[in-house]
Structures are given as structure tokens and as C-alpha cells.
Amino acid sequence: MRLAYDIVEDADKYIELPTPHDIDEYDMVENFCFTVKIKKKKEILLKAIRGKGAFGRFRHHIADLDLEQDWYMFRDQSYKQIAIDFCEMNGLEYVE
């Protein structure tokens, strides 16, 4: 309870973390698509991420195209870079 009161009373001492709403996952997915070297696979993914249901189609196609491991590595690196950028922007030290 003390911490909650402190956060409310001295909000200037704390830095708000980015929320999932602040992170553009669609942009992350699209950027991944552009890293795919095989043109046909890239085209399939770029078409899949257009319109309603894009994330579901994307997940389906990365499995079919044997790109799941590549996607998860790309996603993890993207989240890591978001964290690093956040720390640097707020003058926070971090350990990789």
C-alpha cells in the first residue's frame, strides 16, 4: 500500500512503462515481412497482413512457410530494441 500511495503522491519519481497500445505490433509484423529474402514468401506474407484478420493469417502463413523461428527471433529482437530505446530515452541503465 505504501508503494501505491507513493506512486500517486510522487508520480514524478516514476516513469510509466510503454503499454501494449504504445507498441505497434502491426508495424513489427510488416517489417518482418520485408526481411524475408524469398520473394514469393514475402509476397504471400504482405498480402496476408492486409485487412481484418491480418494477425491470424500471418501466424498461419509463417507456419506454412516454415518462418516461425525467424519471426520469433525477429519479434524478440524488436522487443529488446524497444526496451533499449526506452531505457536510453529515460536515462536508465540496462544490462543485455
Protein backbone atom coordinates (compact mmCIF):
# COMPACT_ATOMS: atom_id res chain seq x y z
CA MET A 1 0.00 0.00 0.00
CA ARG A 2 2.85 2.38 0.77
CA LEU A 3 4.22 2.00 -2.73
CA ALA A 4 0.81 2.68 -4.25
CA TYR A 5 0.43 5.85 -2.18
CA ASP A 6 3.95 6.94 -3.08
CA ILE A 7 3.26 6.47 -6.79
CA VAL A 8 0.11 8.55 -6.55
CA GLU A 9 1.60 11.26 -4.35
CA ASP A 10 5.05 11.46 -6.03
CA ALA A 11 4.31 10.41 -9.61
CA ASP A 12 7.29 12.49 -10.83
CA LYS A 13 9.67 9.93 -9.28
CA TYR A 14 8.36 7.16 -11.55
CA ILE A 15 8.49 6.52 -15.28
CA GLU A 16 5.48 4.94 -16.92
CA LEU A 17 6.32 1.87 -18.96
CA PRO A 18 5.04 1.61 -22.51
CA THR A 19 1.75 -0.24 -22.75
CA PRO A 20 0.89 -2.80 -25.43
CA HIS A 21 -1.12 0.02 -27.03
CA ASP A 22 2.10 2.06 -27.36
CA ILE A 23 3.87 -0.72 -29.28
CA ASP A 24 2.90 -1.02 -32.95
CA GLU A 25 2.80 -4.77 -33.45
CA TYR A 26 1.42 -4.42 -36.96
CA ASP A 27 4.48 -2.37 -37.90
CA MET A 28 6.66 -5.10 -36.37
CA VAL A 29 4.91 -7.77 -38.46
CA GLU A 30 5.19 -5.68 -41.62
CA ASN A 31 8.89 -5.00 -41.01
CA PHE A 32 9.45 -8.74 -40.61
CA CYS A 33 7.75 -9.40 -43.94
CA PHE A 34 10.21 -7.08 -45.67
CA THR A 35 13.14 -9.05 -44.23
CA VAL A 36 12.02 -12.28 -45.93
CA LYS A 37 14.52 -12.98 -48.70
CA ILE A 38 12.43 -15.31 -50.88
CA LYS A 39 10.22 -13.03 -52.99
CA LYS A 40 7.24 -15.42 -53.21
CA LYS A 41 7.16 -15.92 -49.43
CA LYS A 42 7.44 -12.16 -48.89
CA GLU A 43 4.54 -11.53 -51.27
CA ILE A 44 2.37 -14.13 -49.54
CA LEU A 45 3.02 -12.57 -46.14
CA LEU A 46 2.49 -9.00 -47.29
CA LYS A 47 -0.83 -9.97 -48.86
CA ALA A 48 -1.83 -11.90 -45.71
CA ILE A 49 -1.38 -8.92 -43.38
CA ARG A 50 -3.84 -6.67 -45.20
CA GLY A 51 -7.30 -6.17 -43.75
CA LYS A 52 -9.29 -7.73 -40.96
CA GLY A 53 -7.83 -10.93 -39.51
CA ALA A 54 -4.29 -10.00 -40.54
CA PHE A 55 -2.58 -11.39 -37.42
CA GLY A 56 -4.32 -14.75 -37.69
CA ARG A 57 -3.45 -15.09 -41.36
CA PHE A 58 0.12 -14.04 -40.61
CA ARG A 59 0.50 -16.75 -37.95
CA HIS A 60 -0.96 -19.33 -40.31
CA HIS A 61 1.37 -18.40 -43.16
CA ILE A 62 4.58 -18.21 -41.13
CA ALA A 63 3.86 -21.77 -40.03
CA ASP A 64 3.12 -22.94 -43.58
CA LEU A 65 6.17 -21.16 -44.98
CA ASP A 66 8.49 -22.50 -42.26
CA LEU A 67 9.26 -18.99 -41.00
CA GLU A 68 8.11 -19.31 -37.38
CA GLN A 69 11.59 -19.46 -35.88
CA ASP A 70 12.69 -16.46 -37.97
CA TRP A 71 9.60 -14.50 -36.87
CA TYR A 72 10.09 -15.24 -33.18
CA MET A 73 13.75 -14.23 -33.34
CA PHE A 74 12.80 -11.00 -35.17
CA ARG A 75 9.98 -10.27 -32.69
CA ASP A 76 12.22 -10.88 -29.67
CA GLN A 77 14.92 -8.60 -31.10
CA SER A 78 12.31 -5.93 -31.84
CA TYR A 79 11.00 -6.00 -28.26
CA LYS A 80 14.57 -5.89 -26.97
CA GLN A 81 15.24 -2.80 -29.08
CA ILE A 82 12.06 -1.15 -27.79
CA ALA A 83 13.27 -1.77 -24.22
CA ILE A 84 16.75 -0.41 -25.00
CA ASP A 85 15.29 2.69 -26.66
CA PHE A 86 13.02 3.25 -23.66
CA CYS A 87 15.92 3.00 -21.23
CA GLU A 88 18.13 5.32 -23.26
CA MET A 89 15.34 7.85 -23.74
CA ASN A 90 14.75 7.93 -19.98
CA GLY A 91 18.41 7.86 -18.92
CA LEU A 92 18.14 4.39 -17.41
CA GLU A 93 20.96 1.88 -17.26
CA TYR A 94 20.31 -1.58 -18.59
CA VAL A 95 22.09 -4.90 -18.88
CA GLU A 96 21.80 -7.01 -22.02
